[in-house]
Amino acid sequence: MTVEAPGGKRLDHVAIAVEDLDRAVEIYTTLLGSPPDQMETNREFGVRVAIYRLGDVKIELMEGLDPDTTIARFVEKQGPGLHHLCFAVADLKKTIDRLSLEGFEIIGGGDDIGVEGYPVAFAHPKSTGGVLTEFIEEAGNIQNDEENRS
């Protein structure tokens, strides 16, 4: 079942910052009954990632590659836990423009490429009630999801 919001948006993933990815993978593999579907290192963002696919939604476990990375600093300051929510949208630039006009503080202009190869941008937690919110452009998959439900 797809968790979808009006206007062609859907929850893509929940990202969890972890201190030790190998240990977190052990825990989540036991919790979910299967190993991650994907493991990646993204040097641009300075993270190692384990991805569990749960239907149309994913859980991403993220570990910082070194102490100066965003994820490592987050874990040092906040402890391990929820890092961000990510929504797939049909048109990232339009979404960024709309949110900027509504007063949200946007991080990135949609030119960065995320872990799975899609353009990404973020809404700062100061403007979203405390939760970092990522948006990815994944128009083809949203259209395919809609066609599969028809």
N, C-alpha and C. Protein backbone atom coordinates (compact mmCIF):
# COMPACT_ATOMS: atom_id res chain seq x y z
N MET A 1 0.85 -1.18 0.00
CA MET A 1 0.00 0.00 0.00
C MET A 1 0.89 1.24 0.00
N THR A 2 0.61 2.17 -0.86
CA THR A 2 1.39 3.41 -0.94
C THR A 2 0.82 4.43 0.02
N VAL A 3 1.70 5.02 0.81
CA VAL A 3 1.31 6.13 1.67
C VAL A 3 1.49 7.39 0.84
N GLU A 4 0.41 8.01 0.42
CA GLU A 4 0.51 9.12 -0.51
C GLU A 4 -0.28 10.32 -0.02
N ALA A 5 0.31 11.48 -0.19
CA ALA A 5 -0.36 12.73 0.15
C ALA A 5 -0.96 13.31 -1.13
N PRO A 6 -1.90 14.25 -1.01
CA PRO A 6 -2.48 14.87 -2.21
C PRO A 6 -1.41 15.53 -3.07
N GLY A 7 -1.64 15.60 -4.37
CA GLY A 7 -0.75 16.32 -5.26
C GLY A 7 0.43 15.51 -5.75
N GLY A 8 0.35 14.17 -5.73
CA GLY A 8 1.41 13.35 -6.28
C GLY A 8 2.64 13.23 -5.41
N LYS A 9 2.48 13.36 -4.11
CA LYS A 9 3.59 13.18 -3.19
C LYS A 9 3.38 11.87 -2.44
N ARG A 10 4.49 11.25 -2.06
CA ARG A 10 4.37 10.05 -1.24
C ARG A 10 5.56 9.98 -0.29
N LEU A 11 5.35 9.33 0.83
CA LEU A 11 6.44 9.11 1.76
C LEU A 11 7.41 8.14 1.10
N ASP A 12 8.67 8.54 0.94
CA ASP A 12 9.67 7.69 0.31
C ASP A 12 10.45 6.91 1.36
N HIS A 13 10.98 7.64 2.36
CA HIS A 13 11.73 6.94 3.39
C HIS A 13 11.79 7.71 4.70
N VAL A 14 12.13 6.96 5.73
CA VAL A 14 12.42 7.49 7.05
C VAL A 14 13.90 7.22 7.28
N ALA A 15 14.67 8.26 7.58
CA ALA A 15 16.11 8.11 7.78
C ALA A 15 16.43 8.16 9.27
N ILE A 16 17.22 7.19 9.69
CA ILE A 16 17.61 7.08 11.09
C ILE A 16 19.13 7.18 11.17
N ALA A 17 19.60 8.14 11.96
CA ALA A 17 21.04 8.32 12.17
C ALA A 17 21.48 7.32 13.23
N VAL A 18 22.58 6.62 12.94
CA VAL A 18 23.09 5.61 13.88
C VAL A 18 24.57 5.87 14.14
N GLU A 19 25.01 5.40 15.27
CA GLU A 19 26.42 5.55 15.63
C GLU A 19 27.28 4.45 14.98
N ASP A 20 26.73 3.24 14.92
CA ASP A 20 27.45 2.08 14.40
C ASP A 20 26.53 1.35 13.43
N LEU A 21 26.77 1.50 12.14
CA LEU A 21 25.88 0.92 11.13
C LEU A 21 25.84 -0.60 11.22
N ASP A 22 26.97 -1.22 11.44
CA ASP A 22 26.98 -2.69 11.51
C ASP A 22 26.09 -3.19 12.63
N ARG A 23 26.17 -2.55 13.79
CA ARG A 23 25.31 -2.94 14.92
C ARG A 23 23.84 -2.63 14.62
N ALA A 24 23.57 -1.48 14.01
CA ALA A 24 22.19 -1.13 13.67
C ALA A 24 21.61 -2.12 12.66
N VAL A 25 22.42 -2.57 11.71
CA VAL A 25 21.96 -3.57 10.73
C VAL A 25 21.61 -4.87 11.45
N GLU A 26 22.41 -5.27 12.42
CA GLU A 26 22.08 -6.48 13.20
C GLU A 26 20.72 -6.34 13.87
N ILE A 27 20.50 -5.18 14.48
CA ILE A 27 19.24 -4.93 15.20
C ILE A 27 18.06 -4.94 14.24
N TYR A 28 18.15 -4.17 13.14
CA TYR A 28 17.03 -4.07 12.21
C TYR A 28 16.80 -5.35 11.42
N THR A 29 17.85 -6.10 11.17
CA THR A 29 17.69 -7.39 10.49
C THR A 29 16.90 -8.34 11.39
N THR A 30 17.18 -8.31 12.68
CA THR A 30 16.42 -9.12 13.62
C THR A 30 14.98 -8.61 13.73
N LEU A 31 14.81 -7.28 13.86
CA LEU A 31 13.47 -6.71 13.97
C LEU A 31 12.61 -7.02 12.75
N LEU A 32 13.18 -6.89 11.55
CA LEU A 32 12.41 -7.00 10.31
C LEU A 32 12.46 -8.40 9.70
N GLY A 33 13.35 -9.26 10.21
CA GLY A 33 13.39 -10.63 9.74
C GLY A 33 14.11 -10.85 8.43
N SER A 34 14.84 -9.84 7.95
CA SER A 34 15.61 -9.99 6.72
C SER A 34 16.71 -8.93 6.68
N PRO A 35 17.77 -9.20 5.91
CA PRO A 35 18.87 -8.24 5.82
C PRO A 35 18.47 -7.03 4.98
N PRO A 36 19.29 -5.99 4.99
CA PRO A 36 18.97 -4.82 4.17
C PRO A 36 18.93 -5.19 2.69
N ASP A 37 18.12 -4.47 1.95
CA ASP A 37 18.01 -4.67 0.52
C ASP A 37 19.18 -4.04 -0.22
N GLN A 38 19.82 -3.08 0.43
CA GLN A 38 20.89 -2.33 -0.23
C GLN A 38 21.81 -1.76 0.82
N MET A 39 23.11 -1.77 0.53
CA MET A 39 24.12 -1.11 1.37
C MET A 39 24.93 -0.22 0.44
N GLU A 40 25.19 1.01 0.88
CA GLU A 40 25.92 1.96 0.04
C GLU A 40 26.80 2.85 0.88
N THR A 41 27.84 3.37 0.24
CA THR A 41 28.64 4.45 0.81
C THR A 41 28.51 5.63 -0.13
N ASN A 42 28.13 6.78 0.41
CA ASN A 42 28.02 7.99 -0.39
C ASN A 42 29.02 8.99 0.18
N ARG A 43 30.14 9.12 -0.51
CA ARG A 43 31.22 10.00 -0.03
C ARG A 43 30.82 11.47 -0.10
N GLU A 44 29.99 11.85 -1.08
CA GLU A 44 29.57 13.24 -1.19
C GLU A 44 28.83 13.70 0.06
N PHE A 45 27.96 12.83 0.59
CA PHE A 45 27.23 13.16 1.82
C PHE A 45 27.93 12.64 3.07
N GLY A 46 29.02 11.87 2.89
CA GLY A 46 29.80 11.38 4.02
C GLY A 46 29.09 10.35 4.85
N VAL A 47 28.36 9.42 4.20
CA VAL A 47 27.58 8.43 4.94
C VAL A 47 27.74 7.02 4.38
N ARG A 48 27.56 6.07 5.27
CA ARG A 48 27.30 4.67 4.91
C ARG A 48 25.82 4.46 5.19
N VAL A 49 25.15 3.77 4.28
CA VAL A 49 23.69 3.63 4.38
C VAL A 49 23.28 2.17 4.18
N ALA A 50 22.34 1.72 5.01
CA ALA A 50 21.67 0.44 4.81
C ALA A 50 20.20 0.76 4.55
N ILE A 51 19.64 0.17 3.50
CA ILE A 51 18.26 0.48 3.12
C ILE A 51 17.42 -0.79 3.19
N TYR A 52 16.33 -0.68 3.94
CA TYR A 52 15.33 -1.74 4.04
C TYR A 52 14.09 -1.27 3.29
N ARG A 53 13.63 -2.04 2.33
CA ARG A 53 12.41 -1.70 1.59
C ARG A 53 11.23 -2.39 2.24
N LEU A 54 10.24 -1.59 2.61
CA LEU A 54 9.02 -2.10 3.23
C LEU A 54 7.86 -1.66 2.36
N GLY A 55 7.56 -2.42 1.32
CA GLY A 55 6.57 -1.99 0.35
C GLY A 55 7.11 -0.78 -0.40
N ASP A 56 6.34 0.29 -0.42
CA ASP A 56 6.75 1.51 -1.12
C ASP A 56 7.58 2.46 -0.26
N VAL A 57 7.74 2.14 1.02
CA VAL A 57 8.47 3.01 1.94
C VAL A 57 9.75 2.30 2.36
N LYS A 58 10.80 3.08 2.54
CA LYS A 58 12.09 2.53 2.95
C LYS A 58 12.48 3.07 4.33
N ILE A 59 13.30 2.29 5.00
CA ILE A 59 14.00 2.76 6.20
C ILE A 59 15.46 2.84 5.81
N GLU A 60 16.07 4.00 6.01
CA GLU A 60 17.49 4.19 5.75
C GLU A 60 18.21 4.37 7.07
N LEU A 61 19.15 3.48 7.33
CA LEU A 61 20.02 3.64 8.49
C LEU A 61 21.29 4.31 7.99
N MET A 62 21.70 5.41 8.63
CA MET A 62 22.82 6.21 8.14
C MET A 62 23.87 6.40 9.23
N GLU A 63 25.12 6.12 8.86
CA GLU A 63 26.26 6.33 9.76
C GLU A 63 27.22 7.31 9.09
N GLY A 64 27.70 8.30 9.83
CA GLY A 64 28.69 9.24 9.31
C GLY A 64 30.02 8.55 9.07
N LEU A 65 30.68 8.91 7.97
CA LEU A 65 31.98 8.31 7.64
C LEU A 65 33.10 8.82 8.54
N ASP A 66 32.99 10.05 9.00
CA ASP A 66 34.00 10.59 9.92
C ASP A 66 33.32 11.61 10.82
N PRO A 67 33.99 12.04 11.88
CA PRO A 67 33.38 12.92 12.88
C PRO A 67 32.90 14.28 12.35
N ASP A 68 33.40 14.71 11.21
CA ASP A 68 33.00 16.02 10.68
C ASP A 68 31.78 15.97 9.77
N THR A 69 31.21 14.79 9.54
CA THR A 69 30.05 14.68 8.66
C THR A 69 28.78 15.13 9.38
N THR A 70 27.80 15.50 8.61
CA THR A 70 26.52 15.94 9.17
C THR A 70 25.91 14.88 10.08
N ILE A 71 25.91 13.63 9.64
CA ILE A 71 25.28 12.57 10.42
C ILE A 71 26.06 12.32 11.72
N ALA A 72 27.38 12.29 11.66
CA ALA A 72 28.17 12.08 12.87
C ALA A 72 27.97 13.22 13.86
N ARG A 73 27.90 14.45 13.37
CA ARG A 73 27.65 15.60 14.27
C ARG A 73 26.26 15.51 14.87
N PHE A 74 25.28 15.08 14.07
CA PHE A 74 23.92 14.91 14.57
C PHE A 74 23.90 13.89 15.72
N VAL A 75 24.54 12.73 15.51
CA VAL A 75 24.55 11.69 16.53
C VAL A 75 25.29 12.18 17.78
N GLU A 76 26.38 12.90 17.59
CA GLU A 76 27.12 13.44 18.73
C GLU A 76 26.26 14.40 19.56
N LYS A 77 25.49 15.24 18.88
CA LYS A 77 24.68 16.25 19.56
C LYS A 77 23.35 15.70 20.08
N GLN A 78 22.65 14.94 19.23
CA GLN A 78 21.28 14.49 19.54
C GLN A 78 21.19 13.04 20.01
N GLY A 79 22.22 12.26 19.68
CA GLY A 79 22.14 10.82 19.89
C GLY A 79 21.53 10.16 18.66
N PRO A 80 21.60 8.84 18.58
CA PRO A 80 21.02 8.16 17.43
C PRO A 80 19.49 8.31 17.44
N GLY A 81 18.90 8.29 16.26
CA GLY A 81 17.45 8.38 16.16
C GLY A 81 17.00 8.99 14.85
N LEU A 82 15.74 9.38 14.81
CA LEU A 82 15.15 9.94 13.59
C LEU A 82 15.98 11.12 13.10
N HIS A 83 16.41 11.07 11.85
CA HIS A 83 17.16 12.17 11.26
C HIS A 83 16.28 12.99 10.33
N HIS A 84 15.55 12.33 9.43
CA HIS A 84 14.66 13.08 8.54
C HIS A 84 13.60 12.18 7.93
N LEU A 85 12.56 12.83 7.43
CA LEU A 85 11.54 12.19 6.60
C LEU A 85 11.78 12.62 5.17
N CYS A 86 11.49 11.75 4.23
CA CYS A 86 11.68 12.10 2.82
C CYS A 86 10.40 11.84 2.05
N PHE A 87 10.01 12.83 1.25
CA PHE A 87 8.83 12.72 0.39
C PHE A 87 9.26 12.79 -1.06
N ALA A 88 8.75 11.88 -1.88
CA ALA A 88 8.97 11.93 -3.33
C ALA A 88 7.92 12.85 -3.92
N VAL A 89 8.36 13.73 -4.81
CA VAL A 89 7.45 14.68 -5.46
C VAL A 89 7.64 14.60 -6.97
N ALA A 90 6.61 14.99 -7.69
CA ALA A 90 6.65 14.92 -9.15
C ALA A 90 7.57 15.97 -9.75
N ASP A 91 7.67 17.15 -9.12
CA ASP A 91 8.48 18.24 -9.67
C ASP A 91 9.19 18.94 -8.52
N LEU A 92 10.47 18.63 -8.35
CA LEU A 92 11.23 19.15 -7.22
C LEU A 92 11.36 20.67 -7.26
N LYS A 93 11.67 21.23 -8.41
CA LYS A 93 11.85 22.69 -8.52
C LYS A 93 10.56 23.42 -8.14
N LYS A 94 9.41 22.95 -8.62
CA LYS A 94 8.13 23.58 -8.27
C LYS A 94 7.86 23.47 -6.78
N THR A 95 8.20 22.32 -6.20
CA THR A 95 8.00 22.12 -4.77
C THR A 95 8.88 23.08 -3.98
N ILE A 96 10.15 23.21 -4.37
CA ILE A 96 11.06 24.14 -3.70
C ILE A 96 10.55 25.57 -3.81
N ASP A 97 10.13 25.97 -5.00
CA ASP A 97 9.61 27.33 -5.20
C ASP A 97 8.38 27.58 -4.34
N ARG A 98 7.45 26.62 -4.32
CA ARG A 98 6.22 26.77 -3.53
C ARG A 98 6.54 26.89 -2.05
N LEU A 99 7.42 26.02 -1.55
CA LEU A 99 7.75 26.05 -0.13
C LEU A 99 8.50 27.32 0.24
N SER A 100 9.38 27.79 -0.63
CA SER A 100 10.09 29.06 -0.38
C SER A 100 9.10 30.21 -0.28
N LEU A 101 8.14 30.25 -1.18
CA LEU A 101 7.12 31.30 -1.14
C LEU A 101 6.28 31.23 0.13
N GLU A 102 6.11 30.03 0.66
CA GLU A 102 5.33 29.84 1.89
C GLU A 102 6.16 30.13 3.14
N GLY A 103 7.45 30.45 2.96
CA GLY A 103 8.28 30.83 4.09
C GLY A 103 9.15 29.74 4.67
N PHE A 104 9.21 28.59 4.03
CA PHE A 104 10.08 27.52 4.52
C PHE A 104 11.52 27.81 4.14
N GLU A 105 12.44 27.48 5.05
CA GLU A 105 13.87 27.63 4.76
C GLU A 105 14.34 26.38 4.02
N ILE A 106 14.74 26.56 2.77
CA ILE A 106 15.14 25.45 1.92
C ILE A 106 16.66 25.30 1.92
N ILE A 107 17.12 24.07 2.04
CA ILE A 107 18.54 23.75 2.00
C ILE A 107 18.79 23.05 0.66
N GLY A 108 19.56 23.68 -0.19
CA GLY A 108 19.84 23.11 -1.51
C GLY A 108 18.79 23.53 -2.52
N GLY A 109 19.20 23.60 -3.74
CA GLY A 109 18.30 24.03 -4.80
C GLY A 109 17.79 22.92 -5.68
N GLY A 110 17.97 21.68 -5.24
CA GLY A 110 17.54 20.55 -6.04
C GLY A 110 18.60 20.04 -6.99
N ASP A 111 19.82 20.58 -6.86
CA ASP A 111 20.91 20.16 -7.74
C ASP A 111 21.74 19.01 -7.15
N ASP A 112 21.60 18.78 -5.84
CA ASP A 112 22.33 17.68 -5.22
C ASP A 112 21.66 16.36 -5.59
N ILE A 113 22.45 15.32 -5.69
CA ILE A 113 21.93 13.99 -6.00
C ILE A 113 22.04 13.14 -4.74
N GLY A 114 20.92 12.55 -4.35
CA GLY A 114 20.87 11.75 -3.13
C GLY A 114 21.44 10.36 -3.29
N VAL A 115 21.36 9.59 -2.25
CA VAL A 115 21.95 8.25 -2.18
C VAL A 115 21.48 7.36 -3.32
N GLU A 116 20.20 7.43 -3.67
CA GLU A 116 19.68 6.53 -4.70
C GLU A 116 19.66 7.16 -6.09
N GLY A 117 20.32 8.32 -6.24
CA GLY A 117 20.49 8.90 -7.57
C GLY A 117 19.43 9.89 -8.01
N TYR A 118 18.55 10.32 -7.11
CA TYR A 118 17.52 11.30 -7.44
C TYR A 118 17.93 12.69 -6.96
N PRO A 119 17.52 13.75 -7.67
CA PRO A 119 17.76 15.11 -7.17
C PRO A 119 17.05 15.31 -5.83
N VAL A 120 17.71 16.03 -4.90
CA VAL A 120 17.16 16.23 -3.56
C VAL A 120 17.27 17.68 -3.10
N ALA A 121 16.41 18.06 -2.18
CA ALA A 121 16.48 19.33 -1.45
C ALA A 121 15.84 19.07 -0.08
N PHE A 122 16.14 19.94 0.87
CA PHE A 122 15.63 19.77 2.23
C PHE A 122 14.93 21.03 2.71
N ALA A 123 13.97 20.86 3.60
CA ALA A 123 13.38 21.97 4.34
C ALA A 123 13.97 21.90 5.75
N HIS A 124 14.54 23.02 6.20
CA HIS A 124 15.23 23.08 7.49
C HIS A 124 14.26 22.81 8.64
N PRO A 125 14.70 22.08 9.66
CA PRO A 125 13.82 21.79 10.78
C PRO A 125 13.29 23.02 11.51
N LYS A 126 14.02 24.14 11.44
CA LYS A 126 13.52 25.37 12.07
C LYS A 126 12.20 25.81 11.46
N SER A 127 11.98 25.47 10.21
CA SER A 127 10.75 25.91 9.54
C SER A 127 9.71 24.81 9.37
N THR A 128 10.01 23.61 9.87
CA THR A 128 9.07 22.49 9.71
C THR A 128 8.59 21.92 11.05
N GLY A 129 8.79 22.65 12.11
CA GLY A 129 8.36 22.16 13.41
C GLY A 129 9.32 21.18 14.05
N GLY A 130 10.59 21.19 13.60
CA GLY A 130 11.61 20.39 14.27
C GLY A 130 12.09 19.16 13.53
N VAL A 131 11.51 18.83 12.39
CA VAL A 131 11.94 17.63 11.66
C VAL A 131 12.52 18.02 10.32
N LEU A 132 13.79 17.66 10.09
CA LEU A 132 14.38 17.86 8.78
C LEU A 132 13.55 17.09 7.76
N THR A 133 13.20 17.74 6.66
CA THR A 133 12.34 17.12 5.66
C THR A 133 13.02 17.18 4.30
N GLU A 134 13.19 16.02 3.71
CA GLU A 134 13.83 15.90 2.41
C GLU A 134 12.76 15.72 1.34
N PHE A 135 13.04 16.26 0.16
CA PHE A 135 12.18 16.05 -1.00
C PHE A 135 13.05 15.52 -2.12
N ILE A 136 12.57 14.48 -2.80
CA ILE A 136 13.28 13.94 -3.95
C ILE A 136 12.35 13.99 -5.15
N GLU A 137 12.95 14.19 -6.31
CA GLU A 137 12.16 14.15 -7.54
C GLU A 137 12.22 12.74 -8.10
N GLU A 138 11.07 12.16 -8.17
CA GLU A 138 10.97 10.78 -8.61
C GLU A 138 9.72 10.64 -9.46
N ALA A 139 9.54 11.56 -10.41
CA ALA A 139 8.31 11.66 -11.18
C ALA A 139 7.90 10.35 -11.84
N GLY A 140 8.83 9.64 -12.45
CA GLY A 140 8.48 8.41 -13.15
C GLY A 140 7.87 7.38 -12.22
N ASN A 141 8.43 7.23 -11.03
CA ASN A 141 7.91 6.24 -10.10
C ASN A 141 6.55 6.65 -9.54
N ILE A 142 6.33 7.94 -9.32
CA ILE A 142 5.01 8.38 -8.85
C ILE A 142 3.97 8.10 -9.92
N GLN A 143 4.28 8.41 -11.18
CA GLN A 143 3.33 8.14 -12.26
C GLN A 143 3.07 6.65 -12.37
N ASN A 144 4.12 5.83 -12.27
CA ASN A 144 3.94 4.39 -12.34
C ASN A 144 3.09 3.88 -11.18
N ASP A 145 3.30 4.41 -9.98
CA ASP A 145 2.49 4.02 -8.83
C ASP A 145 1.03 4.33 -9.09
N GLU A 146 0.74 5.53 -9.62
CA GLU A 146 -0.63 5.93 -9.88
C GLU A 146 -1.26 5.02 -10.94
N GLU A 147 -0.50 4.68 -11.98
CA GLU A 147 -1.01 3.80 -13.03
C GLU A 147 -1.29 2.42 -12.47
N ASN A 148 -0.47 1.92 -11.57
CA ASN A 148 -0.67 0.59 -10.99
C ASN A 148 -1.90 0.53 -10.10
N ARG A 149 -2.30 1.67 -9.52
CA ARG A 149 -3.49 1.69 -8.67
C ARG A 149 -4.77 1.84 -9.49
N SER A 150 -4.66 2.26 -10.73
CA SER A 150 -5.85 2.49 -11.57
C SER A 150 -6.50 1.19 -11.99
